[in-house]
Amino acid sequence: MTLADMILWPGTKVCERLGVDPTGDAVLIRWLINTLVYLTVSLIIVWIVVV
């Protein structure tokens, strides 16, 4: 597994669960899921560091 595969893993799994090809037309769905996951993780880390 490459670094890119690990970074894109959450969106890829959601696309597979929905039954769409994550490398085809569902690239935007994969991008959206990855953005939401990493935004949430980043906000939690920032919250812990600041507080």
C-alpha atoms as a PDB file:
ATOM      1  CA  MET A   1       0.000   0.000   0.000  1.00  0.00           C
ATOM      2  CA  THR A   2       1.429   3.351  -1.019  1.00  0.00           C
ATOM      3  CA  LEU A   3       1.182   6.603   0.916  1.00  0.00           C
ATOM      4  CA  ALA A   4      -1.401   7.915  -1.548  1.00  0.00           C
ATOM      5  CA  ASP A   5      -3.558   4.814  -1.013  1.00  0.00           C
ATOM      6  CA  MET A   6      -3.419   5.319   2.752  1.00  0.00           C
ATOM      7  CA  ILE A   7      -4.408   8.991   2.456  1.00  0.00           C
ATOM      8  CA  LEU A   8      -7.291   8.226   0.085  1.00  0.00           C
ATOM      9  CA  TRP A   9      -8.457   5.164   2.066  1.00  0.00           C
ATOM     10  CA  PRO A  10     -11.549   6.684   3.795  1.00  0.00           C
ATOM     11  CA  GLY A  11     -13.070   7.986   0.566  1.00  0.00           C
ATOM     12  CA  THR A  12     -12.226   4.815  -1.323  1.00  0.00           C
ATOM     13  CA  LYS A  13     -13.961   2.637   1.269  1.00  0.00           C
ATOM     14  CA  VAL A  14     -17.087   4.817   1.227  1.00  0.00           C
ATOM     15  CA  CYS A  15     -17.227   4.651  -2.579  1.00  0.00           C
ATOM     16  CA  GLU A  16     -16.819   0.875  -2.489  1.00  0.00           C
ATOM     17  CA  ARG A  17     -19.592   0.667   0.123  1.00  0.00           C
ATOM     18  CA  LEU A  18     -21.867   2.737  -2.161  1.00  0.00           C
ATOM     19  CA  GLY A  19     -21.022   0.461  -5.089  1.00  0.00           C
ATOM     20  CA  VAL A  20     -19.319   3.054  -7.295  1.00  0.00           C
ATOM     21  CA  ASP A  21     -15.849   3.056  -8.808  1.00  0.00           C
ATOM     22  CA  PRO A  22     -13.653   5.399  -6.731  1.00  0.00           C
ATOM     23  CA  THR A  23     -11.307   6.013  -9.665  1.00  0.00           C
ATOM     24  CA  GLY A  24     -14.050   6.784 -12.180  1.00  0.00           C
ATOM     25  CA  ASP A  25     -16.899   9.233 -11.882  1.00  0.00           C
ATOM     26  CA  ALA A  26     -16.925   9.023  -8.080  1.00  0.00           C
ATOM     27  CA  VAL A  27     -13.677  10.950  -7.671  1.00  0.00           C
ATOM     28  CA  LEU A  28     -15.606  13.956  -6.331  1.00  0.00           C
ATOM     29  CA  ILE A  29     -17.416  11.789  -3.789  1.00  0.00           C
ATOM     30  CA  ARG A  30     -14.072  10.355  -2.654  1.00  0.00           C
ATOM     31  CA  TRP A  31     -12.611  13.865  -2.444  1.00  0.00           C
ATOM     32  CA  LEU A  32     -15.580  15.092  -0.375  1.00  0.00           C
ATOM     33  CA  ILE A  33     -15.356  12.209   2.100  1.00  0.00           C
ATOM     34  CA  ASN A  34     -11.588  12.587   2.464  1.00  0.00           C
ATOM     35  CA  THR A  35     -11.953  16.336   2.992  1.00  0.00           C
ATOM     36  CA  LEU A  36     -14.558  15.845   5.718  1.00  0.00           C
ATOM     37  CA  VAL A  37     -12.528  13.142   7.459  1.00  0.00           C
ATOM     38  CA  TYR A  38      -9.273  15.077   7.466  1.00  0.00           C
ATOM     39  CA  LEU A  39     -11.000  18.355   8.373  1.00  0.00           C
ATOM     40  CA  THR A  40     -12.531  16.671  11.408  1.00  0.00           C
ATOM     41  CA  VAL A  41      -9.222  15.103  12.434  1.00  0.00           C
ATOM     42  CA  SER A  42      -7.390  18.406  11.976  1.00  0.00           C
ATOM     43  CA  LEU A  43      -9.954  20.351  13.989  1.00  0.00           C
ATOM     44  CA  ILE A  44      -9.753  17.842  16.838  1.00  0.00           C
ATOM     45  CA  ILE A  45      -5.950  18.095  16.873  1.00  0.00           C
ATOM     46  CA  VAL A  46      -6.066  21.902  16.845  1.00  0.00           C
ATOM     47  CA  TRP A  47      -8.691  21.894  19.600  1.00  0.00           C
ATOM     48  CA  ILE A  48      -6.481  19.654  21.770  1.00  0.00           C
ATOM     49  CA  VAL A  49      -3.368  21.780  21.174  1.00  0.00           C
ATOM     50  CA  VAL A  50      -5.077  25.119  21.813  1.00  0.00           C
ATOM     51  CA  VAL A  51      -7.113  24.109  24.854  1.00  0.00           C
END
